[in-house]
Each structure stands twice: as structure tokens, then as C-alpha cells.
Amino acid sequence: MTIRCSSRPGRDGSRRHNEAGSGTMLVLSSALLLLTAALAAAIWAMASSANHRAATAADLAALSAAGALQSGELDPCRTAARIATKHGAELVGCEIDGESVVVVAAVRLRLGALGSPAALAGARAGPEHPPFTAWSRGPARSTIGAVPCC
């Protein structure tokens, strides 16, 4: 004897399992999955773009500040801040180390309800010399977050 779970009898009088609406749920769950994947891809693309913009701004700011330092300008960090601002970044750190300049630039992400983290990047410009402790993992690193990378 077979027992089937259904409250409605079929045409022939037997009870059958009703699957009405299951296709709708399948389509809705698939659409939700695709929407979530698209949102994750968009956030990743924004973070990647902000990271590249921060790195570019840091590189250009460091080069400009090193050029200003070598030409005898009194405040090369002001030049670095101006260049970083022109490239849509904020200069969050600038240090003069002899003839070299080390800068950290930040680009803010605007993610609405998810917050606004910063993409940070550091750069060094000046004469070549052995790396010092602040660059223990290499001079071209950048991160997404609220803590400076150098």
C-alpha cells in the first residue's frame, strides 16, 4: 500500500503530489543567485579600480615630490598633495628620507549602505638605495582598508 501526501484527488480519484508553483520558485531563486553574483562582481570591479587609482596617484605624487625636492622646493609634500588631489586621491602620508620621498595615497570607495572603505597605496621616489624596514614586503603594495599600507 502506497501513501501519497496530497490533499487533492486527481481525475482518476487517486491522490497525487501537487507541484504547482515549483517552477516559479526555481526561477526566482536562480534570479536571486544571478543578482547576488552581479553585485559581487560590481563591488570587486569598484575596489580594483580604486586600488589602481590609488597606486597611480601615489606613484605620480611621489615622483612629483621627488622632483620638487631635487629642484630645491621647501615643501615637496605640498606638491605631492596637490598631484594626488588632481588624480582623485587623498595624500594620507608623506615622508622625506634624505633625497627620497615616500607617500601614501587613499581613494575612498562609496558603497552606500556597505560603508566607504579606502583603497590605500604607497610609493617611493628618489635615488636607488637598499630597502629599509618600512618596505619589508616590497615598495609597490597596496591594500583595501582603513590601515595605511606602509
Protein backbone atom coordinates (compact mmCIF):
# COMPACT_ATOMS: atom_id res chain seq x y z
CA MET A 1 0.00 0.00 0.00
CA THR A 2 1.38 3.42 -1.01
CA ILE A 3 0.56 6.61 0.86
CA ARG A 4 0.92 9.88 -1.04
CA CYS A 5 0.94 13.31 0.60
CA SER A 6 -1.65 15.45 -1.12
CA SER A 7 -4.95 16.88 -0.14
CA ARG A 8 -6.49 16.95 -3.63
CA PRO A 9 -7.52 13.88 -5.52
CA GLY A 10 -6.58 13.56 -9.18
CA ARG A 11 -9.03 12.96 -12.06
CA ASP A 12 -8.99 9.26 -11.55
CA GLY A 13 -9.71 9.60 -7.82
CA SER A 14 -6.16 8.85 -6.62
CA ARG A 15 -4.20 11.34 -4.56
CA ARG A 16 -1.24 12.95 -6.34
CA HIS A 17 1.56 15.27 -5.22
CA ASN A 18 0.91 18.84 -6.38
CA GLU A 19 3.96 20.62 -7.83
CA ALA A 20 2.22 23.79 -8.95
CA GLY A 21 4.44 26.84 -8.39
CA SER A 22 7.73 24.96 -8.14
CA GLY A 23 8.91 26.40 -11.48
CA THR A 24 8.28 29.92 -10.16
CA MET A 25 10.41 29.24 -7.08
CA LEU A 26 13.19 27.81 -9.24
CA VAL A 27 13.20 30.90 -11.49
CA LEU A 28 13.10 33.29 -8.52
CA SER A 29 15.96 31.55 -6.71
CA SER A 30 18.04 31.48 -9.93
CA ALA A 31 17.40 35.19 -10.49
CA LEU A 32 18.41 35.97 -6.90
CA LEU A 33 21.63 33.99 -7.33
CA LEU A 34 22.48 35.84 -10.55
CA LEU A 35 21.72 39.21 -8.95
CA THR A 36 23.98 38.42 -6.00
CA ALA A 37 26.81 37.35 -8.32
CA ALA A 38 26.43 40.54 -10.39
CA LEU A 39 26.51 42.69 -7.25
CA ALA A 40 29.65 40.93 -6.00
CA ALA A 41 31.33 41.42 -9.39
CA ALA A 42 30.42 45.12 -9.41
CA ILE A 43 31.84 45.66 -5.92
CA TRP A 44 35.03 43.79 -6.88
CA ALA A 45 35.40 45.94 -10.01
CA MET A 46 34.94 49.14 -7.99
CA ALA A 47 37.53 48.03 -5.42
CA SER A 48 40.00 47.03 -8.10
CA SER A 49 39.56 50.35 -9.92
CA ALA A 50 40.01 52.33 -6.70
CA ASN A 51 43.13 50.31 -5.88
CA HIS A 52 44.65 51.11 -9.29
CA ARG A 53 43.72 54.80 -8.98
CA ALA A 54 45.33 54.98 -5.53
CA ALA A 55 48.51 53.31 -6.82
CA THR A 56 48.70 55.66 -9.80
CA ALA A 57 48.12 58.72 -7.64
CA ALA A 58 50.76 57.58 -5.14
CA ASP A 59 53.33 56.94 -7.89
CA LEU A 60 52.76 60.31 -9.55
CA ALA A 61 52.70 62.16 -6.22
CA ALA A 62 55.98 60.53 -5.15
CA LEU A 63 57.65 61.35 -8.47
CA SER A 64 56.44 64.95 -8.36
CA ALA A 65 57.56 65.39 -4.76
CA ALA A 66 60.99 63.90 -5.53
CA GLY A 67 61.35 66.27 -8.47
CA ALA A 68 60.34 69.20 -6.27
CA LEU A 69 62.80 68.09 -3.58
CA GLN A 70 65.66 67.88 -6.07
CA SER A 71 64.82 71.30 -7.51
CA GLY A 72 65.09 72.82 -4.02
CA GLU A 73 61.43 73.37 -3.20
CA LEU A 74 60.89 73.87 0.54
CA ASP A 75 57.76 71.70 0.92
CA PRO A 76 57.69 68.80 -1.57
CA CYS A 77 54.84 67.16 0.38
CA ARG A 78 52.59 70.06 -0.65
CA THR A 79 53.38 69.22 -4.27
CA ALA A 80 52.59 65.56 -3.59
CA ALA A 81 49.24 66.51 -2.01
CA ARG A 82 48.34 68.71 -4.99
CA ILE A 83 49.15 65.96 -7.51
CA ALA A 84 47.29 63.29 -5.51
CA THR A 85 44.22 65.54 -5.29
CA LYS A 86 44.29 66.17 -9.04
CA HIS A 87 44.14 62.40 -9.54
CA GLY A 88 41.15 61.89 -7.25
CA ALA A 89 43.09 60.67 -4.22
CA GLU A 90 43.92 62.00 -0.80
CA LEU A 91 47.51 62.13 0.43
CA VAL A 92 47.48 60.42 3.84
CA GLY A 93 51.22 60.21 4.37
CA CYS A 94 54.34 61.92 3.10
CA GLU A 95 57.84 61.43 4.46
CA ILE A 96 61.12 62.82 3.22
CA ASP A 97 64.00 60.41 3.70
CA GLY A 98 67.18 62.14 2.58
CA GLU A 99 66.79 62.56 -1.16
CA SER A 100 63.82 60.19 -1.36
CA VAL A 101 60.13 60.78 -0.81
CA VAL A 102 57.70 58.14 0.49
CA VAL A 103 53.98 58.83 0.08
CA VAL A 104 50.71 57.03 0.86
CA ALA A 105 47.58 57.91 -1.12
CA ALA A 106 43.98 56.87 -0.44
CA VAL A 107 40.93 56.63 -2.69
CA ARG A 108 37.58 56.31 -0.93
CA LEU A 109 35.01 53.84 -2.20
CA ARG A 110 31.38 54.89 -1.90
CA LEU A 111 29.38 51.71 -1.36
CA GLY A 112 26.23 53.19 0.14
CA ALA A 113 24.92 51.07 2.99
CA LEU A 114 28.05 48.89 2.85
CA GLY A 115 30.23 51.81 4.00
CA SER A 116 33.10 53.68 2.43
CA PRO A 117 36.44 51.87 2.84
CA ALA A 118 39.63 53.35 1.45
CA ALA A 119 41.97 51.85 -1.12
CA LEU A 120 45.49 52.71 0.04
CA ALA A 121 48.73 52.63 -1.92
CA GLY A 122 52.28 53.62 -1.10
CA ALA A 123 55.09 54.73 -3.38
CA ARG A 124 58.71 55.82 -3.08
CA ALA A 125 60.66 58.02 -5.45
CA GLY A 126 64.26 59.15 -5.34
CA PRO A 127 67.73 57.71 -5.81
CA GLU A 128 68.05 53.96 -5.54
CA HIS A 129 69.21 52.58 -2.20
CA PRO A 130 68.74 49.35 -0.24
CA PRO A 131 65.22 48.91 1.13
CA PHE A 132 64.56 49.99 4.68
CA THR A 133 62.29 48.36 7.26
CA ALA A 134 59.09 50.20 6.27
CA TRP A 135 59.21 48.44 2.89
CA SER A 136 59.95 44.97 4.20
CA ARG A 137 57.49 43.38 1.73
CA GLY A 138 58.44 45.50 -1.28
CA PRO A 139 57.74 49.08 -2.33
CA ALA A 140 54.70 48.51 -4.54
CA ARG A 141 51.99 47.19 -2.26
CA SER A 142 48.52 48.46 -1.65
CA THR A 143 45.50 47.31 0.30
CA ILE A 144 41.83 48.00 0.75
CA GLY A 145 41.07 49.05 4.29
CA ALA A 146 41.45 51.70 6.91
CA VAL A 147 45.06 50.96 7.92
CA PRO A 148 47.89 52.56 5.89
CA CYS A 149 49.98 50.07 4.00
CA CYS A 150 53.41 51.45 5.00
